[in-house]
Amino acid sequence: MARGHQKIQSQQKNAKKAAEKKKGMAADQKTAAKAALVHTCPVCRTQMPDPKTFKQHFESKHPKSPMPPELVDVQA
């Protein structure tokens, strides 16, 4: 049973590496997702990734408010 101790050590080492990799990846995804939200609604301060989504949001959630000038020529 000389291999039993090595096996346990190897499993612990691999679990530690996997946990570090998973932890680092989650932070990168959150940062990337947050960076992609570049358009902010002036009425409700909701963030959206692109002008098309922003215009659709504005038309459905704020129909009585005047359209912001940056959304006038965007094709929805």
PDB file of N, CA and C in Angstrom:
ATOM      1  N   MET A   1       0.821  -1.183   0.000  1.00  0.00           N
ATOM      2  CA  MET A   1       0.000   0.000   0.000  1.00  0.00           C
ATOM      3  C   MET A   1       0.874   1.260   0.000  1.00  0.00           C
ATOM      4  N   ALA A   2       1.985   1.207  -0.649  1.00  0.00           N
ATOM      5  CA  ALA A   2       2.885   2.351  -0.731  1.00  0.00           C
ATOM      6  C   ALA A   2       2.284   3.464  -1.582  1.00  0.00           C
ATOM      7  N   ARG A   3       1.422   3.124  -2.495  1.00  0.00           N
ATOM      8  CA  ARG A   3       0.840   4.116  -3.417  1.00  0.00           C
ATOM      9  C   ARG A   3      -0.321   4.884  -2.779  1.00  0.00           C
ATOM     10  N   GLY A   4      -0.917   4.381  -1.724  1.00  0.00           N
ATOM     11  CA  GLY A   4      -2.088   4.997  -1.108  1.00  0.00           C
ATOM     12  C   GLY A   4      -1.831   6.417  -0.634  1.00  0.00           C
ATOM     13  N   HIS A   5      -0.712   6.650   0.018  1.00  0.00           N
ATOM     14  CA  HIS A   5      -0.395   7.981   0.540  1.00  0.00           C
ATOM     15  C   HIS A   5      -0.126   8.958  -0.608  1.00  0.00           C
ATOM     16  N   GLN A   6       0.586   8.510  -1.623  1.00  0.00           N
ATOM     17  CA  GLN A   6       0.849   9.364  -2.781  1.00  0.00           C
ATOM     18  C   GLN A   6      -0.459   9.745  -3.485  1.00  0.00           C
ATOM     19  N   LYS A   7      -1.372   8.801  -3.564  1.00  0.00           N
ATOM     20  CA  LYS A   7      -2.654   9.037  -4.217  1.00  0.00           C
ATOM     21  C   LYS A   7      -3.440  10.132  -3.487  1.00  0.00           C
ATOM     22  N   ILE A   8      -3.469  10.040  -2.176  1.00  0.00           N
ATOM     23  CA  ILE A   8      -4.194  11.035  -1.377  1.00  0.00           C
ATOM     24  C   ILE A   8      -3.558  12.410  -1.545  1.00  0.00           C
ATOM     25  N   GLN A   9      -2.224  12.468  -1.503  1.00  0.00           N
ATOM     26  CA  GLN A   9      -1.533  13.742  -1.669  1.00  0.00           C
ATOM     27  C   GLN A   9      -1.810  14.330  -3.055  1.00  0.00           C
ATOM     28  N   SER A  10      -1.792  13.498  -4.071  1.00  0.00           N
ATOM     29  CA  SER A  10      -2.045  13.957  -5.429  1.00  0.00           C
ATOM     30  C   SER A  10      -3.471  14.491  -5.572  1.00  0.00           C
ATOM     31  N   GLN A  11      -4.444  13.828  -4.979  1.00  0.00           N
ATOM     32  CA  GLN A  11      -5.834  14.280  -5.045  1.00  0.00           C
ATOM     33  C   GLN A  11      -5.991  15.631  -4.352  1.00  0.00           C
ATOM     34  N   GLN A  12      -5.335  15.796  -3.204  1.00  0.00           N
ATOM     35  CA  GLN A  12      -5.424  17.066  -2.482  1.00  0.00           C
ATOM     36  C   GLN A  12      -4.789  18.200  -3.290  1.00  0.00           C
ATOM     37  N   LYS A  13      -3.649  17.906  -3.889  1.00  0.00           N
ATOM     38  CA  LYS A  13      -2.956  18.907  -4.691  1.00  0.00           C
ATOM     39  C   LYS A  13      -3.801  19.313  -5.896  1.00  0.00           C
ATOM     40  N   ASN A  14      -4.407  18.350  -6.578  1.00  0.00           N
ATOM     41  CA  ASN A  14      -5.240  18.645  -7.741  1.00  0.00           C
ATOM     42  C   ASN A  14      -6.508  19.404  -7.351  1.00  0.00           C
ATOM     43  N   ALA A  15      -7.093  19.068  -6.205  1.00  0.00           N
ATOM     44  CA  ALA A  15      -8.282  19.778  -5.731  1.00  0.00           C
ATOM     45  C   ALA A  15      -7.946  21.236  -5.426  1.00  0.00           C
ATOM     46  N   LYS A  16      -6.783  21.471  -4.854  1.00  0.00           N
ATOM     47  CA  LYS A  16      -6.352  22.834  -4.539  1.00  0.00           C
ATOM     48  C   LYS A  16      -6.140  23.637  -5.830  1.00  0.00           C
ATOM     49  N   LYS A  17      -5.510  23.035  -6.829  1.00  0.00           N
ATOM     50  CA  LYS A  17      -5.299  23.713  -8.110  1.00  0.00           C
ATOM     51  C   LYS A  17      -6.627  24.048  -8.781  1.00  0.00           C
ATOM     52  N   ALA A  18      -7.561  23.097  -8.759  1.00  0.00           N
ATOM     53  CA  ALA A  18      -8.865  23.313  -9.384  1.00  0.00           C
ATOM     54  C   ALA A  18      -9.630  24.437  -8.683  1.00  0.00           C
ATOM     55  N   ALA A  19      -9.545  24.489  -7.363  1.00  0.00           N
ATOM     56  CA  ALA A  19     -10.239  25.532  -6.607  1.00  0.00           C
ATOM     57  C   ALA A  19      -9.652  26.903  -6.934  1.00  0.00           C
ATOM     58  N   GLU A  20      -8.338  26.993  -7.043  1.00  0.00           N
ATOM     59  CA  GLU A  20      -7.703  28.271  -7.374  1.00  0.00           C
ATOM     60  C   GLU A  20      -8.075  28.710  -8.788  1.00  0.00           C
ATOM     61  N   LYS A  21      -8.106  27.776  -9.712  1.00  0.00           N
ATOM     62  CA  LYS A  21      -8.461  28.091 -11.089  1.00  0.00           C
ATOM     63  C   LYS A  21      -9.909  28.563 -11.174  1.00  0.00           C
ATOM     64  N   LYS A  22     -10.807  27.875 -10.474  1.00  0.00           N
ATOM     65  CA  LYS A  22     -12.219  28.229 -10.489  1.00  0.00           C
ATOM     66  C   LYS A  22     -12.431  29.606  -9.862  1.00  0.00           C
ATOM     67  N   LYS A  23     -11.747  29.877  -8.784  1.00  0.00           N
ATOM     68  CA  LYS A  23     -11.891  31.152  -8.102  1.00  0.00           C
ATOM     69  C   LYS A  23     -11.403  32.292  -8.992  1.00  0.00           C
ATOM     70  N   GLY A  24     -10.280  32.113  -9.637  1.00  0.00           N
ATOM     71  CA  GLY A  24      -9.739  33.143 -10.513  1.00  0.00           C
ATOM     72  C   GLY A  24     -10.610  33.383 -11.727  1.00  0.00           C
ATOM     73  N   MET A  25     -11.199  32.347 -12.277  1.00  0.00           N
ATOM     74  CA  MET A  25     -12.029  32.475 -13.470  1.00  0.00           C
ATOM     75  C   MET A  25     -13.312  33.233 -13.160  1.00  0.00           C
ATOM     76  N   ALA A  26     -13.905  33.002 -12.025  1.00  0.00           N
ATOM     77  CA  ALA A  26     -15.157  33.668 -11.669  1.00  0.00           C
ATOM     78  C   ALA A  26     -14.959  35.177 -11.593  1.00  0.00           C
ATOM     79  N   ALA A  27     -13.863  35.609 -11.041  1.00  0.00           N
ATOM     80  CA  ALA A  27     -13.593  37.034 -10.937  1.00  0.00           C
ATOM     81  C   ALA A  27     -13.402  37.644 -12.328  1.00  0.00           C
ATOM     82  N   ASP A  28     -12.752  36.923 -13.229  1.00  0.00           N
ATOM     83  CA  ASP A  28     -12.549  37.430 -14.579  1.00  0.00           C
ATOM     84  C   ASP A  28     -13.873  37.575 -15.319  1.00  0.00           C
ATOM     85  N   GLN A  29     -14.748  36.618 -15.159  1.00  0.00           N
ATOM     86  CA  GLN A  29     -16.046  36.680 -15.824  1.00  0.00           C
ATOM     87  C   GLN A  29     -16.884  37.836 -15.297  1.00  0.00           C
ATOM     88  N   LYS A  30     -16.853  38.037 -13.998  1.00  0.00           N
ATOM     89  CA  LYS A  30     -17.616  39.141 -13.410  1.00  0.00           C
ATOM     90  C   LYS A  30     -17.082  40.479 -13.911  1.00  0.00           C
ATOM     91  N   THR A  31     -15.774  40.606 -13.972  1.00  0.00           N
ATOM     92  CA  THR A  31     -15.168  41.851 -14.428  1.00  0.00           C
ATOM     93  C   THR A  31     -15.508  42.108 -15.888  1.00  0.00           C
ATOM     94  N   ALA A  32     -15.436  41.066 -16.702  1.00  0.00           N
ATOM     95  CA  ALA A  32     -15.748  41.217 -18.125  1.00  0.00           C
ATOM     96  C   ALA A  32     -17.214  41.576 -18.323  1.00  0.00           C
ATOM     97  N   ALA A  33     -18.100  40.950 -17.578  1.00  0.00           N
ATOM     98  CA  ALA A  33     -19.526  41.241 -17.702  1.00  0.00           C
ATOM     99  C   ALA A  33     -19.826  42.673 -17.279  1.00  0.00           C
ATOM    100  N   LYS A  34     -19.181  43.115 -16.222  1.00  0.00           N
ATOM    101  CA  LYS A  34     -19.402  44.473 -15.748  1.00  0.00           C
ATOM    102  C   LYS A  34     -18.865  45.495 -16.751  1.00  0.00           C
ATOM    103  N   ALA A  35     -17.742  45.188 -17.384  1.00  0.00           N
ATOM    104  CA  ALA A  35     -17.159  46.099 -18.362  1.00  0.00           C
ATOM    105  C   ALA A  35     -18.013  46.195 -19.619  1.00  0.00           C
ATOM    106  N   ALA A  36     -18.771  45.142 -19.924  1.00  0.00           N
ATOM    107  CA  ALA A  36     -19.600  45.138 -21.127  1.00  0.00           C
ATOM    108  C   ALA A  36     -20.840  46.004 -20.977  1.00  0.00           C
ATOM    109  N   LEU A  37     -21.238  46.334 -19.765  1.00  0.00           N
ATOM    110  CA  LEU A  37     -22.433  47.150 -19.540  1.00  0.00           C
ATOM    111  C   LEU A  37     -22.055  48.626 -19.646  1.00  0.00           C
ATOM    112  N   VAL A  38     -22.111  49.155 -20.866  1.00  0.00           N
ATOM    113  CA  VAL A  38     -21.606  50.502 -21.097  1.00  0.00           C
ATOM    114  C   VAL A  38     -22.699  51.563 -21.213  1.00  0.00           C
ATOM    115  N   HIS A  39     -23.938  51.172 -21.496  1.00  0.00           N
ATOM    116  CA  HIS A  39     -25.022  52.141 -21.650  1.00  0.00           C
ATOM    117  C   HIS A  39     -25.886  52.146 -20.395  1.00  0.00           C
ATOM    118  N   THR A  40     -26.149  53.338 -19.853  1.00  0.00           N
ATOM    119  CA  THR A  40     -26.944  53.471 -18.638  1.00  0.00           C
ATOM    120  C   THR A  40     -28.202  54.282 -18.932  1.00  0.00           C
ATOM    121  N   CYS A  41     -29.324  53.758 -18.528  1.00  0.00           N
ATOM    122  CA  CYS A  41     -30.602  54.437 -18.709  1.00  0.00           C
ATOM    123  C   CYS A  41     -30.650  55.667 -17.788  1.00  0.00           C
ATOM    124  N   PRO A  42     -30.950  56.836 -18.335  1.00  0.00           N
ATOM    125  CA  PRO A  42     -30.984  58.042 -17.489  1.00  0.00           C
ATOM    126  C   PRO A  42     -32.177  58.079 -16.533  1.00  0.00           C
ATOM    127  N   VAL A  43     -33.207  57.294 -16.810  1.00  0.00           N
ATOM    128  CA  VAL A  43     -34.409  57.314 -15.971  1.00  0.00           C
ATOM    129  C   VAL A  43     -34.252  56.383 -14.769  1.00  0.00           C
ATOM    130  N   CYS A  44     -33.906  55.110 -15.019  1.00  0.00           N
ATOM    131  CA  CYS A  44     -33.868  54.127 -13.930  1.00  0.00           C
ATOM    132  C   CYS A  44     -32.449  53.643 -13.589  1.00  0.00           C
ATOM    133  N   ARG A  45     -31.458  54.132 -14.286  1.00  0.00           N
ATOM    134  CA  ARG A  45     -30.046  53.787 -14.041  1.00  0.00           C
ATOM    135  C   ARG A  45     -29.714  52.310 -14.267  1.00  0.00           C
ATOM    136  N   THR A  46     -30.499  51.633 -15.086  1.00  0.00           N
ATOM    137  CA  THR A  46     -30.207  50.252 -15.453  1.00  0.00           C
ATOM    138  C   THR A  46     -29.133  50.258 -16.525  1.00  0.00           C
ATOM    139  N   GLN A  47     -28.198  49.317 -16.436  1.00  0.00           N
ATOM    140  CA  GLN A  47     -27.107  49.254 -17.396  1.00  0.00           C
ATOM    141  C   GLN A  47     -27.395  48.194 -18.452  1.00  0.00           C
ATOM    142  N   MET A  48     -27.040  48.503 -19.704  1.00  0.00           N
ATOM    143  CA  MET A  48     -27.248  47.590 -20.821  1.00  0.00           C
ATOM    144  C   MET A  48     -25.986  47.498 -21.669  1.00  0.00           C
ATOM    145  N   PRO A  49     -25.819  46.355 -22.375  1.00  0.00           N
ATOM    146  CA  PRO A  49     -24.573  46.136 -23.110  1.00  0.00           C
ATOM    147  C   PRO A  49     -24.476  46.847 -24.458  1.00  0.00           C
ATOM    148  N   ASP A  50     -25.602  47.083 -25.141  1.00  0.00           N
ATOM    149  CA  ASP A  50     -25.510  47.683 -26.469  1.00  0.00           C
ATOM    150  C   ASP A  50     -26.681  48.642 -26.717  1.00  0.00           C
ATOM    151  N   PRO A  51     -26.560  49.515 -27.716  1.00  0.00           N
ATOM    152  CA  PRO A  51     -27.598  50.518 -27.964  1.00  0.00           C
ATOM    153  C   PRO A  51     -28.942  49.918 -28.375  1.00  0.00           C
ATOM    154  N   LYS A  52     -28.922  48.779 -29.071  1.00  0.00           N
ATOM    155  CA  LYS A  52     -30.179  48.151 -29.490  1.00  0.00           C
ATOM    156  C   LYS A  52     -31.007  47.726 -28.272  1.00  0.00           C
ATOM    157  N   THR A  53     -30.360  47.068 -27.331  1.00  0.00           N
ATOM    158  CA  THR A  53     -31.033  46.649 -26.100  1.00  0.00           C
ATOM    159  C   THR A  53     -31.489  47.871 -25.305  1.00  0.00           C
ATOM    160  N   PHE A  54     -30.646  48.897 -25.293  1.00  0.00           N
ATOM    161  CA  PHE A  54     -30.962  50.128 -24.582  1.00  0.00           C
ATOM    162  C   PHE A  54     -32.232  50.755 -25.155  1.00  0.00           C
ATOM    163  N   LYS A  55     -32.341  50.809 -26.481  1.00  0.00           N
ATOM    164  CA  LYS A  55     -33.532  51.406 -27.097  1.00  0.00           C
ATOM    165  C   LYS A  55     -34.771  50.565 -26.819  1.00  0.00           C
ATOM    166  N   GLN A  56     -34.659  49.254 -26.907  1.00  0.00           N
ATOM    167  CA  GLN A  56     -35.796  48.381 -26.607  1.00  0.00           C
ATOM    168  C   GLN A  56     -36.247  48.572 -25.163  1.00  0.00           C
ATOM    169  N   HIS A  57     -35.287  48.664 -24.243  1.00  0.00           N
ATOM    170  CA  HIS A  57     -35.601  48.900 -22.833  1.00  0.00           C
ATOM    171  C   HIS A  57     -36.336  50.219 -22.669  1.00  0.00           C
ATOM    172  N   PHE A  58     -35.791  51.261 -23.301  1.00  0.00           N
ATOM    173  CA  PHE A  58     -36.363  52.591 -23.130  1.00  0.00           C
ATOM    174  C   PHE A  58     -37.783  52.669 -23.684  1.00  0.00           C
ATOM    175  N   GLU A  59     -38.017  52.039 -24.841  1.00  0.00           N
ATOM    176  CA  GLU A  59     -39.351  52.066 -25.447  1.00  0.00           C
ATOM    177  C   GLU A  59     -40.373  51.289 -24.623  1.00  0.00           C
ATOM    178  N   SER A  60     -39.937  50.191 -23.995  1.00  0.00           N
ATOM    179  CA  SER A  60     -40.900  49.386 -23.239  1.00  0.00           C
ATOM    180  C   SER A  60     -41.087  49.861 -21.800  1.00  0.00           C
ATOM    181  N   LYS A  61     -40.042  50.339 -21.173  1.00  0.00           N
ATOM    182  CA  LYS A  61     -40.145  50.722 -19.752  1.00  0.00           C
ATOM    183  C   LYS A  61     -40.483  52.195 -19.540  1.00  0.00           C
ATOM    184  N   HIS A  62     -40.101  53.059 -20.477  1.00  0.00           N
ATOM    185  CA  HIS A  62     -40.304  54.500 -20.298  1.00  0.00           C
ATOM    186  C   HIS A  62     -40.954  55.110 -21.553  1.00  0.00           C
ATOM    187  N   PRO A  63     -42.149  54.657 -21.929  1.00  0.00           N
ATOM    188  CA  PRO A  63     -42.750  55.135 -23.186  1.00  0.00           C
ATOM    189  C   PRO A  63     -43.131  56.621 -23.166  1.00  0.00           C
ATOM    190  N   LYS A  64     -43.394  57.178 -21.985  1.00  0.00           N
ATOM    191  CA  LYS A  64     -43.810  58.575 -21.915  1.00  0.00           C
ATOM    192  C   LYS A  64     -42.641  59.546 -21.813  1.00  0.00           C
ATOM    193  N   SER A  65     -41.467  59.035 -21.503  1.00  0.00           N
ATOM    194  CA  SER A  65     -40.283  59.890 -21.394  1.00  0.00           C
ATOM    195  C   SER A  65     -39.727  60.185 -22.780  1.00  0.00           C
ATOM    196  N   PRO A  66     -39.132  61.370 -22.951  1.00  0.00           N
ATOM    197  CA  PRO A  66     -38.540  61.677 -24.260  1.00  0.00           C
ATOM    198  C   PRO A  66     -37.316  60.788 -24.525  1.00  0.00           C
ATOM    199  N   MET A  67     -37.159  60.374 -25.770  1.00  0.00           N
ATOM    200  CA  MET A  67     -36.056  59.496 -26.166  1.00  0.00           C
ATOM    201  C   MET A  67     -34.732  60.252 -26.069  1.00  0.00           C
ATOM    202  N   PRO A  68     -33.716  59.659 -25.434  1.00  0.00           N
ATOM    203  CA  PRO A  68     -32.408  60.300 -25.389  1.00  0.00           C
ATOM    204  C   PRO A  68     -31.842  60.481 -26.800  1.00  0.00           C
ATOM    205  N   PRO A  69     -31.088  61.544 -27.040  1.00  0.00           N
ATOM    206  CA  PRO A  69     -30.592  61.812 -28.393  1.00  0.00           C
ATOM    207  C   PRO A  69     -29.706  60.708 -28.977  1.00  0.00           C
ATOM    208  N   GLU A  70     -28.990  59.984 -28.140  1.00  0.00           N
ATOM    209  CA  GLU A  70     -28.115  58.928 -28.667  1.00  0.00           C
ATOM    210  C   GLU A  70     -28.897  57.711 -29.171  1.00  0.00           C
ATOM    211  N   LEU A  71     -30.207  57.625 -28.845  1.00  0.00           N
ATOM    212  CA  LEU A  71     -31.009  56.482 -29.277  1.00  0.00           C
ATOM    213  C   LEU A  71     -31.926  56.781 -30.457  1.00  0.00           C
ATOM    214  N   VAL A  72     -31.977  58.017 -30.912  1.00  0.00           N
ATOM    215  CA  VAL A  72     -32.911  58.398 -31.952  1.00  0.00           C
ATOM    216  C   VAL A  72     -32.641  57.650 -33.256  1.00  0.00           C
ATOM    217  N   ASP A  73     -31.395  57.509 -33.666  1.00  0.00           N
ATOM    218  CA  ASP A  73     -31.083  56.876 -34.957  1.00  0.00           C
ATOM    219  C   ASP A  73     -30.703  55.395 -34.844  1.00  0.00           C
ATOM    220  N   VAL A  74     -30.886  54.780 -33.680  1.00  0.00           N
ATOM    221  CA  VAL A  74     -30.550  53.359 -33.499  1.00  0.00           C
ATOM    222  C   VAL A  74     -31.693  52.489 -34.017  1.00  0.00           C
ATOM    223  N   GLN A  75     -31.356  51.460 -34.804  1.00  0.00           N
ATOM    224  CA  GLN A  75     -32.354  50.532 -35.321  1.00  0.00           C
ATOM    225  C   GLN A  75     -32.619  49.453 -34.275  1.00  0.00           C
ATOM    226  N   ALA A  76     -33.843  49.333 -33.808  1.00  0.00           N
ATOM    227  CA  ALA A  76     -34.170  48.337 -32.781  1.00  0.00           C
ATOM    228  C   ALA A  76     -34.590  47.020 -33.376  1.00  0.00           C
TER     229      ALA A  76
END
